[in-house]
Amino acid sequence: MLVLVGILVVGIVRAIPIDNGVEGEPEIECGPSTITINFNTRNPFEGHVYVKGLYDQPGCRSDEGGRQVAGIELSLNPRGVFISTTVVISFHPQFVTKVDRAYRIQCFYMEADKTVSTQIEVSDLTTAFQTQVVPMPICKYEILDGGPTGAPIQFATIGQQVYHKWTCDSETTDTFCAIVHSCTVDDGNGDTVQILNDEGCALDKFLLNNLEYPTDLMAGQEAHVYKYADRSQLFYQCQISITIKEPNTECARPQCPEPQGFGATKVKLRQ
């Protein structure tokens, strides 16, 4: 903000001289909301500094005493870009004398707060729709010979060590979690037994123990081959739940107790 200050000295009524007076030029500060005027005097000042014509108005007079400086701070309301007022410094507590001075104070603000307006018709922003389809993982269930790196098998003997493995392949990383649950085994003739419950917990440790999850989308567990009496085939069926993985977190896993022996339950067929 640039401020230009103009001062016009005006003579006052002649009276009995007082041994005091203004030394030098007054110091004027044109602030954004106030005007401050200070005077240096030759001797300690006893008198008033006031706005001409507003002597009795609150805030328009300053009564000074005992110092060699006098002044007043005037509030601007409303604030404008060009302020002009007359300030009187009077050295007598009651009367105007010949040593008193009146100063025409002008503050011209080169910059000021201004409100300007114009009108323009603006159309709404064009909304662009962008959709990214993330393919769901493709899952498979295998029974492997011996362990997690064994070859898939379709024929086995009783007691043979195998590895039940569930794997889901995804095009993205750290996006999905997989949980295996609700597993059953049947003989192909309607005799069905549940070996993993709805939470994914094992029911019979002799058939299948609680699953291990080496990765977000993989589960597995070792087991030994068994079969129904007088049946030569087993059919396994499981459900895999795929969920979105929260950023910077681990996939939630079933919290399962240690399964007991002979805990598998026979599934009743719906009529």
Protein backbone atom coordinates (compact mmCIF):
# COMPACT_ATOMS: atom_id res chain seq x y z
CA MET A 1 0.00 0.00 0.00
CA LEU A 2 1.44 3.39 -1.03
CA VAL A 3 0.46 6.43 1.04
CA LEU A 4 0.84 10.08 0.14
CA VAL A 5 0.59 12.50 3.04
CA GLY A 6 -0.29 16.14 2.58
CA ILE A 7 0.01 18.72 5.39
CA LEU A 8 -1.33 22.25 5.33
CA VAL A 9 -0.46 24.46 8.29
CA VAL A 10 -3.16 26.97 9.23
CA GLY A 11 -2.66 29.89 11.61
CA ILE A 12 -4.79 30.14 14.79
CA VAL A 13 -6.10 32.99 16.88
CA ARG A 14 -3.48 35.21 18.51
CA ALA A 15 -3.31 35.05 22.32
CA ILE A 16 -0.90 35.21 25.26
CA PRO A 17 2.30 33.33 24.35
CA ILE A 18 3.05 30.03 26.10
CA ASP A 19 6.61 28.83 26.44
CA ASN A 20 6.11 25.78 24.26
CA GLY A 21 5.57 24.83 20.67
CA VAL A 22 5.81 22.11 18.02
CA GLU A 23 9.32 21.03 17.11
CA GLY A 24 9.74 19.94 13.52
CA GLU A 25 7.04 18.36 11.39
CA PRO A 26 4.36 16.07 12.84
CA GLU A 27 4.70 12.35 12.30
CA ILE A 28 1.74 10.95 10.41
CA GLU A 29 0.92 7.30 9.86
CA CYS A 30 -1.89 6.45 7.47
CA GLY A 31 -2.95 2.95 8.48
CA PRO A 32 -5.62 0.73 6.93
CA SER A 33 -8.12 1.49 9.70
CA THR A 34 -6.60 4.43 11.64
CA ILE A 35 -4.68 7.67 11.20
CA THR A 36 -2.04 8.43 13.84
CA ILE A 37 -0.55 11.93 14.31
CA ASN A 38 2.29 12.59 16.77
CA PHE A 39 3.94 15.92 17.62
CA ASN A 40 7.30 16.60 19.27
CA THR A 41 7.14 19.63 21.58
CA ARG A 42 9.83 21.96 22.89
CA ASN A 43 8.79 21.49 26.51
CA PRO A 44 6.55 19.02 28.35
CA PHE A 45 3.07 19.23 26.83
CA GLU A 46 -0.05 20.17 28.78
CA GLY A 47 -3.05 20.44 26.49
CA HIS A 48 -5.17 18.68 23.90
CA VAL A 49 -4.91 17.24 20.42
CA TYR A 50 -8.28 17.09 18.71
CA VAL A 51 -10.09 17.05 15.41
CA LYS A 52 -11.31 20.51 14.51
CA GLY A 53 -15.06 20.83 15.00
CA LEU A 54 -15.25 17.60 17.02
CA TYR A 55 -13.66 18.63 20.30
CA ASP A 56 -16.38 17.06 22.43
CA GLN A 57 -16.77 13.88 20.40
CA PRO A 58 -15.41 10.64 21.94
CA GLY A 59 -12.35 9.42 20.11
CA CYS A 60 -11.71 12.78 18.49
CA ARG A 61 -9.63 14.31 21.31
CA SER A 62 -6.53 13.28 23.19
CA ASP A 63 -5.65 14.95 26.48
CA GLU A 64 -1.88 14.87 26.99
CA GLY A 65 0.32 15.94 29.86
CA GLY A 66 3.87 15.77 31.17
CA ARG A 67 5.72 14.54 28.09
CA GLN A 68 7.44 16.20 25.17
CA VAL A 69 5.29 14.35 22.72
CA ALA A 70 1.59 14.62 21.92
CA GLY A 71 -0.60 12.82 19.49
CA ILE A 72 -3.92 11.24 18.56
CA GLU A 73 -5.09 8.10 16.80
CA LEU A 74 -8.27 8.40 14.74
CA SER A 75 -10.37 5.46 13.68
CA LEU A 76 -11.61 5.45 10.11
CA ASN A 77 -15.22 4.37 9.82
CA PRO A 78 -16.08 3.83 7.12
CA ARG A 79 -12.66 3.31 5.59
CA GLY A 80 -12.11 5.20 2.37
CA VAL A 81 -9.47 5.76 -0.24
CA PHE A 82 -9.05 9.49 0.49
CA ILE A 83 -9.10 10.79 4.07
CA SER A 84 -8.91 14.48 4.94
CA THR A 85 -9.24 16.03 8.39
CA THR A 86 -7.92 18.97 10.42
CA VAL A 87 -6.09 18.21 13.69
CA VAL A 88 -5.39 20.92 16.26
CA ILE A 89 -2.65 20.81 18.89
CA SER A 90 -3.51 23.15 21.74
CA PHE A 91 -0.95 23.95 24.44
CA HIS A 92 -3.40 25.45 26.89
CA PRO A 93 -5.75 23.18 28.87
CA GLN A 94 -8.71 25.50 28.26
CA PHE A 95 -7.96 28.07 25.57
CA VAL A 96 -6.52 28.40 22.11
CA THR A 97 -3.33 30.45 22.08
CA LYS A 98 -0.92 31.81 19.50
CA VAL A 99 1.46 28.88 19.82
CA ASP A 100 -1.25 26.39 18.92
CA ARG A 101 -1.25 24.88 15.48
CA ALA A 102 -3.78 23.32 13.16
CA TYR A 103 -2.75 20.76 10.56
CA ARG A 104 -4.75 19.66 7.55
CA ILE A 105 -4.08 15.92 7.37
CA GLN A 106 -4.73 14.06 4.14
CA CYS A 107 -4.15 10.38 3.55
CA PHE A 108 -4.43 9.21 -0.02
CA TYR A 109 -4.44 5.42 -0.46
CA MET A 110 -3.02 4.33 -3.78
CA GLU A 111 -4.42 0.85 -3.16
CA ALA A 112 -7.62 -0.01 -1.34
CA ASP A 113 -10.13 -2.80 -0.95
CA LYS A 114 -12.57 -2.57 -3.81
CA THR A 115 -15.43 -4.73 -4.93
CA VAL A 116 -15.93 -5.09 -8.66
CA SER A 117 -18.43 -7.21 -10.48
CA THR A 118 -19.15 -8.55 -13.90
CA GLN A 119 -21.26 -11.29 -15.38
CA ILE A 120 -20.43 -14.27 -17.51
CA GLU A 121 -22.40 -17.34 -18.46
CA VAL A 122 -20.47 -20.48 -17.61
CA SER A 123 -21.59 -23.93 -18.59
CA ASP A 124 -21.17 -26.86 -16.20
CA LEU A 125 -17.99 -28.87 -16.33
CA THR A 126 -18.24 -31.90 -18.53
CA THR A 127 -18.27 -34.96 -16.34
CA ALA A 128 -16.01 -37.68 -17.62
CA PHE A 129 -16.79 -41.21 -16.55
CA GLN A 130 -13.85 -43.53 -16.33
CA THR A 131 -14.41 -47.10 -15.28
CA GLN A 132 -11.74 -49.66 -14.64
CA VAL A 133 -12.84 -53.25 -14.41
CA VAL A 134 -10.61 -55.40 -12.23
CA PRO A 135 -11.02 -59.06 -13.23
CA MET A 136 -11.86 -61.44 -10.43
CA PRO A 137 -9.28 -64.08 -9.59
CA ILE A 138 -9.58 -67.48 -11.23
CA CYS A 139 -9.45 -70.25 -8.64
CA LYS A 140 -8.72 -73.94 -8.73
CA TYR A 141 -8.62 -76.90 -6.32
CA GLU A 142 -5.96 -79.55 -6.77
CA ILE A 143 -4.83 -82.66 -4.90
CA LEU A 144 -1.08 -83.01 -5.30
CA ASP A 145 1.18 -85.99 -4.77
CA GLY A 146 3.31 -85.80 -1.62
CA GLY A 147 3.39 -82.06 -0.94
CA PRO A 148 2.75 -78.52 -2.22
CA THR A 149 5.12 -78.95 -5.18
CA GLY A 150 3.88 -82.38 -6.22
CA ALA A 151 2.08 -83.24 -9.41
CA PRO A 152 -1.73 -83.31 -9.52
CA ILE A 153 -3.15 -86.80 -9.10
CA GLN A 154 -6.44 -88.45 -9.93
CA PHE A 155 -5.64 -91.92 -8.61
CA ALA A 156 -4.23 -92.80 -5.19
CA THR A 157 -3.99 -95.56 -2.62
CA ILE A 158 -5.20 -95.59 0.99
CA GLY A 159 -2.69 -93.88 3.27
CA GLN A 160 -0.84 -92.13 0.46
CA GLN A 161 0.35 -88.65 1.46
CA VAL A 162 -1.24 -85.93 -0.60
CA TYR A 163 -1.55 -82.14 -0.46
CA HIS A 164 -4.88 -80.32 -0.82
CA LYS A 165 -4.16 -77.02 -2.54
CA TRP A 166 -6.45 -74.12 -3.39
CA THR A 167 -4.96 -71.40 -5.60
CA CYS A 168 -6.44 -68.23 -7.09
CA ASP A 169 -4.65 -66.37 -9.88
CA SER A 170 -5.16 -62.60 -10.11
CA GLU A 171 -3.98 -60.02 -12.64
CA THR A 172 -3.35 -57.56 -9.80
CA THR A 173 -1.28 -57.83 -6.63
CA ASP A 174 -2.35 -57.05 -3.07
CA THR A 175 -5.94 -56.65 -4.20
CA PHE A 176 -7.85 -59.73 -3.04
CA CYS A 177 -8.00 -62.19 -0.16
CA ALA A 178 -9.21 -65.78 -0.38
CA ILE A 179 -10.72 -68.02 2.31
CA VAL A 180 -11.61 -71.67 1.74
CA HIS A 181 -14.66 -72.96 3.60
CA SER A 182 -17.68 -75.25 3.45
CA CYS A 183 -15.80 -78.28 2.12
CA THR A 184 -17.51 -81.62 1.69
CA VAL A 185 -16.50 -85.03 0.44
CA ASP A 186 -18.92 -87.58 -0.98
CA ASP A 187 -18.89 -90.97 -2.63
CA GLY A 188 -20.90 -89.98 -5.66
CA ASN A 189 -24.03 -91.71 -4.36
CA GLY A 190 -25.30 -89.06 -1.96
CA ASP A 191 -23.23 -89.96 1.09
CA THR A 192 -21.74 -86.54 1.92
CA VAL A 193 -19.58 -85.51 4.86
CA GLN A 194 -18.54 -81.97 5.78
CA ILE A 195 -14.82 -81.63 6.51
CA LEU A 196 -14.50 -77.79 6.67
CA ASN A 197 -17.30 -75.75 8.22
CA ASP A 198 -18.75 -72.41 7.06
CA GLU A 199 -15.93 -70.48 8.80
CA GLY A 200 -13.23 -72.55 7.14
CA CYS A 201 -12.32 -74.60 10.21
CA ALA A 202 -11.48 -78.32 10.03
CA LEU A 203 -13.88 -80.76 11.71
CA ASP A 204 -11.89 -84.00 11.74
CA LYS A 205 -8.12 -83.97 12.05
CA PHE A 206 -7.90 -87.50 10.64
CA LEU A 207 -9.47 -86.38 7.39
CA LEU A 208 -8.11 -82.81 6.99
CA ASN A 209 -6.47 -80.43 9.45
CA ASN A 210 -6.91 -76.65 9.61
CA LEU A 211 -5.68 -75.02 6.44
CA GLU A 212 -2.51 -72.99 6.08
CA TYR A 213 -2.42 -69.80 4.03
CA PRO A 214 1.08 -69.18 2.62
CA THR A 215 -0.13 -66.25 0.47
CA ASP A 216 -3.20 -64.04 0.13
CA LEU A 217 -4.69 -66.27 -2.57
CA MET A 218 -3.41 -69.70 -1.62
CA ALA A 219 -4.41 -72.29 0.97
CA GLY A 220 -3.29 -75.82 1.56
CA GLN A 221 -2.84 -78.73 3.93
CA GLU A 222 -1.28 -82.16 3.91
CA ALA A 223 -3.49 -85.23 4.36
CA HIS A 224 -3.56 -88.97 3.81
CA VAL A 225 -5.84 -90.70 1.39
CA TYR A 226 -8.96 -92.40 2.75
CA LYS A 227 -12.10 -93.79 1.20
CA TYR A 228 -15.62 -94.91 1.89
CA ALA A 229 -16.20 -98.59 2.55
CA ASP A 230 -16.97 -100.38 -0.68
CA ARG A 231 -16.51 -97.18 -2.66
CA SER A 232 -13.56 -96.47 -4.93
CA GLN A 233 -14.15 -92.76 -5.62
CA LEU A 234 -14.16 -89.55 -3.61
CA PHE A 235 -15.58 -86.22 -4.76
CA TYR A 236 -14.41 -83.06 -3.00
CA GLN A 237 -16.23 -79.75 -3.17
CA CYS A 238 -15.30 -76.46 -1.48
CA GLN A 239 -16.31 -72.83 -1.56
CA ILE A 240 -13.80 -69.99 -1.86
CA SER A 241 -14.74 -66.51 -0.68
CA ILE A 242 -12.92 -63.65 -2.43
CA THR A 243 -12.78 -60.31 -0.62
CA ILE A 244 -11.10 -56.98 -1.30
CA LYS A 245 -7.84 -56.54 0.62
CA GLU A 246 -7.59 -53.34 2.61
CA PRO A 247 -4.43 -51.30 1.90
CA ASN A 248 -1.48 -51.95 4.23
CA THR A 249 -3.23 -54.78 6.05
CA GLU A 250 -3.02 -58.54 6.18
CA CYS A 251 -5.78 -60.78 4.91
CA ALA A 252 -8.10 -61.95 7.66
CA ARG A 253 -7.89 -65.69 8.32
CA PRO A 254 -10.21 -68.12 10.13
CA GLN A 255 -9.50 -68.36 13.85
CA CYS A 256 -9.97 -72.07 14.36
CA PRO A 257 -9.53 -74.36 17.36
CA GLU A 258 -7.53 -77.56 17.01
CA PRO A 259 -9.89 -80.07 15.37
CA GLN A 260 -10.76 -83.27 17.18
CA GLY A 261 -10.86 -86.73 15.65
CA PHE A 262 -14.08 -88.03 14.18
CA GLY A 263 -15.67 -84.60 14.18
CA ALA A 264 -16.77 -84.59 10.54
CA THR A 265 -20.52 -84.32 10.16
CA LYS A 266 -22.72 -86.08 7.70
CA VAL A 267 -24.65 -83.76 5.46
CA LYS A 268 -28.35 -84.41 5.18
CA LEU A 269 -29.69 -84.36 1.67
CA ARG A 270 -32.47 -81.91 0.93
CA GLN A 271 -35.75 -83.58 0.13
